[in-house]
């Protein structure tokens, strides 16, 4: 689409208009990943601090606490990945130095983060059963495990589109 200036005859390319649906499509995968990472951090917080939470009983034992801390670490890495690889500018210029902002290794292996997070959720009922507690959060654990696996598959499919799909692969 060309835009012709009023006082000149030179053709100037017009900026494409981005509507709300296009913005949602562009940000939806990042919002899904941010939701999964944030949910893991919030689950860790409830499991470690709220005595009335079902995760608190599981987190009192060594195996449960290890899984909760692993969930928190993976969740923080996922949130940082979204902030750095998706929503930060591609370069920063400080004086004469140009700094590239991309966490390429996390971008390449991020589906393993979601698979690990799904393992942490799926292992919690086994820890609860082994420690003698009821598995009242069985649906919660397996729902989050399923969602993390789904996000891992969708993310791997989107990243397989090619090197121009997202700035972190270039």
Protein backbone atom coordinates (compact mmCIF):
# COMPACT_ATOMS: atom_id res chain seq x y z
CA UNK A 1 0.00 0.00 0.00
CA UNK A 2 1.46 3.33 -1.02
CA UNK A 3 0.86 6.72 0.45
CA UNK A 4 1.47 9.69 -1.83
CA UNK A 5 2.46 12.94 -0.17
CA UNK A 6 0.42 16.06 -0.86
CA UNK A 7 3.26 18.34 -1.97
CA UNK A 8 5.54 15.81 -3.62
CA UNK A 9 5.06 13.16 -6.19
CA UNK A 10 7.37 10.74 -4.39
CA UNK A 11 5.64 7.57 -3.16
CA UNK A 12 6.12 6.82 0.54
CA UNK A 13 5.19 3.42 1.95
CA UNK A 14 2.43 3.70 4.52
CA UNK A 15 2.69 2.11 7.94
CA UNK A 16 0.41 -0.91 8.16
CA UNK A 17 -2.37 -0.52 10.68
CA UNK A 18 -2.33 -3.09 13.43
CA UNK A 19 -5.72 -3.84 14.91
CA UNK A 20 -6.48 -5.37 18.29
CA UNK A 21 -6.97 -8.88 16.92
CA UNK A 22 -3.50 -8.84 15.33
CA UNK A 23 -1.96 -7.61 18.59
CA UNK A 24 -3.69 -10.40 20.51
CA UNK A 25 -2.46 -13.00 18.01
CA UNK A 26 1.08 -11.68 18.28
CA UNK A 27 1.08 -11.64 22.10
CA UNK A 28 -1.07 -14.68 22.86
CA UNK A 29 1.79 -17.25 22.92
CA UNK A 30 3.82 -15.01 25.22
CA UNK A 31 0.80 -14.46 27.48
CA UNK A 32 0.26 -18.24 27.70
CA UNK A 33 3.89 -18.79 28.65
CA UNK A 34 3.78 -15.93 31.16
CA UNK A 35 0.63 -17.41 32.70
CA UNK A 36 2.22 -20.84 33.11
CA UNK A 37 5.41 -19.43 34.63
CA UNK A 38 3.51 -17.09 36.92
CA UNK A 39 1.20 -19.89 38.02
CA UNK A 40 4.20 -22.00 39.02
CA UNK A 41 5.64 -19.15 41.11
CA UNK A 42 2.27 -18.51 42.78
CA UNK A 43 1.86 -22.25 43.49
CA UNK A 44 5.29 -22.26 45.13
CA UNK A 45 4.36 -19.21 47.21
CA UNK A 46 1.13 -20.78 48.46
CA UNK A 47 2.84 -24.09 49.08
CA UNK A 48 5.54 -22.51 51.21
CA UNK A 49 3.66 -19.80 53.11
CA UNK A 50 -0.05 -20.59 53.48
CA UNK A 51 -0.75 -23.31 56.09
CA UNK A 52 -4.34 -23.65 54.86
CA UNK A 53 -3.24 -24.45 51.29
CA UNK A 54 -3.19 -28.06 50.16
CA UNK A 55 0.31 -27.63 48.80
CA UNK A 56 1.60 -26.63 52.23
CA UNK A 57 1.29 -30.18 53.58
CA UNK A 58 3.19 -31.54 50.60
CA UNK A 59 5.85 -28.84 50.88
CA UNK A 60 6.68 -29.79 54.47
CA UNK A 61 8.42 -32.95 53.29
CA UNK A 62 11.78 -33.02 51.54
CA UNK A 63 10.49 -34.41 48.23
CA UNK A 64 7.57 -32.00 48.09
CA UNK A 65 9.71 -29.00 49.00
CA UNK A 66 12.22 -29.97 46.31
CA UNK A 67 9.45 -30.12 43.71
CA UNK A 68 8.03 -26.78 44.85
CA UNK A 69 11.43 -25.07 44.72
CA UNK A 70 12.05 -26.58 41.29
CA UNK A 71 8.66 -25.27 40.15
CA UNK A 72 9.55 -21.80 41.43
CA UNK A 73 12.95 -21.78 39.70
CA UNK A 74 11.48 -22.94 36.38
CA UNK A 75 8.61 -20.44 36.70
CA UNK A 76 11.03 -17.55 37.26
CA UNK A 77 13.10 -18.61 34.23
CA UNK A 78 9.95 -18.76 32.09
CA UNK A 79 8.80 -15.30 33.23
CA UNK A 80 12.27 -13.86 32.54
CA UNK A 81 12.28 -15.56 29.13
CA UNK A 82 9.01 -13.85 28.20
CA UNK A 83 10.23 -10.48 29.44
CA UNK A 84 13.62 -10.71 27.70
CA UNK A 85 12.88 -12.60 24.49
CA UNK A 86 9.38 -11.32 23.74
CA UNK A 87 8.73 -7.95 25.31
CA UNK A 88 12.07 -6.18 25.55
CA UNK A 89 13.70 -4.20 22.74
CA UNK A 90 16.10 -6.20 20.59
CA UNK A 91 19.06 -3.88 21.26
CA UNK A 92 20.12 -1.29 23.80
CA UNK A 93 22.62 1.41 22.98
CA UNK A 94 24.70 2.73 25.86
CA UNK A 95 27.09 5.34 24.54
CA UNK A 96 29.08 3.61 21.80
CA UNK A 97 28.18 0.11 22.94
CA UNK A 98 25.28 -1.80 21.46
CA UNK A 99 23.96 -4.57 23.67
CA UNK A 100 21.82 -7.35 22.22
CA UNK A 101 19.00 -8.47 24.50
CA UNK A 102 18.18 -12.08 23.73
CA UNK A 103 18.32 -15.20 25.82
CA UNK A 104 18.90 -17.57 22.92
CA UNK A 105 19.54 -20.76 24.89
CA UNK A 106 16.27 -20.39 26.78
CA UNK A 107 14.49 -19.62 23.53
CA UNK A 108 15.85 -22.80 21.92
CA UNK A 109 15.13 -25.13 24.85
CA UNK A 110 12.03 -23.56 26.34
CA UNK A 111 9.79 -26.56 25.61
CA UNK A 112 11.92 -28.57 28.05
CA UNK A 113 11.15 -25.99 30.73
CA UNK A 114 7.44 -26.58 30.26
CA UNK A 115 7.89 -30.36 30.24
CA UNK A 116 9.86 -30.08 33.50
CA UNK A 117 7.16 -27.90 34.98
CA UNK A 118 4.54 -30.47 33.96
CA UNK A 119 6.61 -33.15 35.69
CA UNK A 120 6.69 -31.07 38.88
CA UNK A 121 2.91 -30.75 38.83
CA UNK A 122 2.34 -34.41 37.98
CA UNK A 123 4.70 -35.66 40.71
CA UNK A 124 3.00 -33.74 43.53
CA UNK A 125 0.11 -36.25 44.00
CA UNK A 126 2.62 -39.09 44.33
CA UNK A 127 4.50 -37.18 47.02
CA UNK A 128 1.22 -36.43 48.82
CA UNK A 129 0.15 -40.07 48.73
CA UNK A 130 3.55 -41.27 49.89
CA UNK A 131 3.54 -38.91 52.87
CA UNK A 132 0.07 -40.04 53.92
CA UNK A 133 -1.91 -36.98 52.86
CA UNK A 134 -5.05 -37.01 50.79
CA UNK A 135 -4.72 -36.02 47.19
CA UNK A 136 -7.40 -33.36 47.25
CA UNK A 137 -5.70 -31.28 44.56
CA UNK A 138 -5.46 -34.09 42.02
CA UNK A 139 -7.46 -32.21 39.37
CA UNK A 140 -5.40 -29.04 39.96
CA UNK A 141 -2.09 -30.87 39.56
CA UNK A 142 -3.01 -32.81 36.45
CA UNK A 143 -4.78 -29.85 34.82
CA UNK A 144 -1.66 -27.73 35.18
CA UNK A 145 0.52 -30.60 33.94
CA UNK A 146 -1.70 -30.92 30.87
CA UNK A 147 -1.64 -27.16 30.21
CA UNK A 148 2.15 -27.05 30.45
CA UNK A 149 2.51 -29.93 28.00
CA UNK A 150 0.06 -28.22 25.61
CA UNK A 151 2.00 -24.94 25.83
CA UNK A 152 5.26 -26.85 25.23
CA UNK A 153 3.89 -28.46 22.05
CA UNK A 154 2.37 -25.22 20.75
CA UNK A 155 5.54 -23.27 21.48
CA UNK A 156 7.72 -25.85 19.73
CA UNK A 157 5.37 -25.77 16.72
CA UNK A 158 5.43 -21.96 16.53
CA UNK A 159 9.23 -21.84 16.84
CA UNK A 160 9.59 -24.38 14.03
CA UNK A 161 8.13 -21.87 11.56
CA UNK A 162 11.56 -20.49 10.77
CA UNK A 163 14.21 -18.07 11.87
CA UNK A 164 12.14 -14.98 11.13
CA UNK A 165 9.31 -15.91 13.49
CA UNK A 166 10.72 -14.14 16.51
CA UNK A 167 13.65 -11.80 16.98
CA UNK A 168 15.45 -14.11 19.41
CA UNK A 169 16.22 -16.63 16.67
CA UNK A 170 17.91 -14.14 14.43
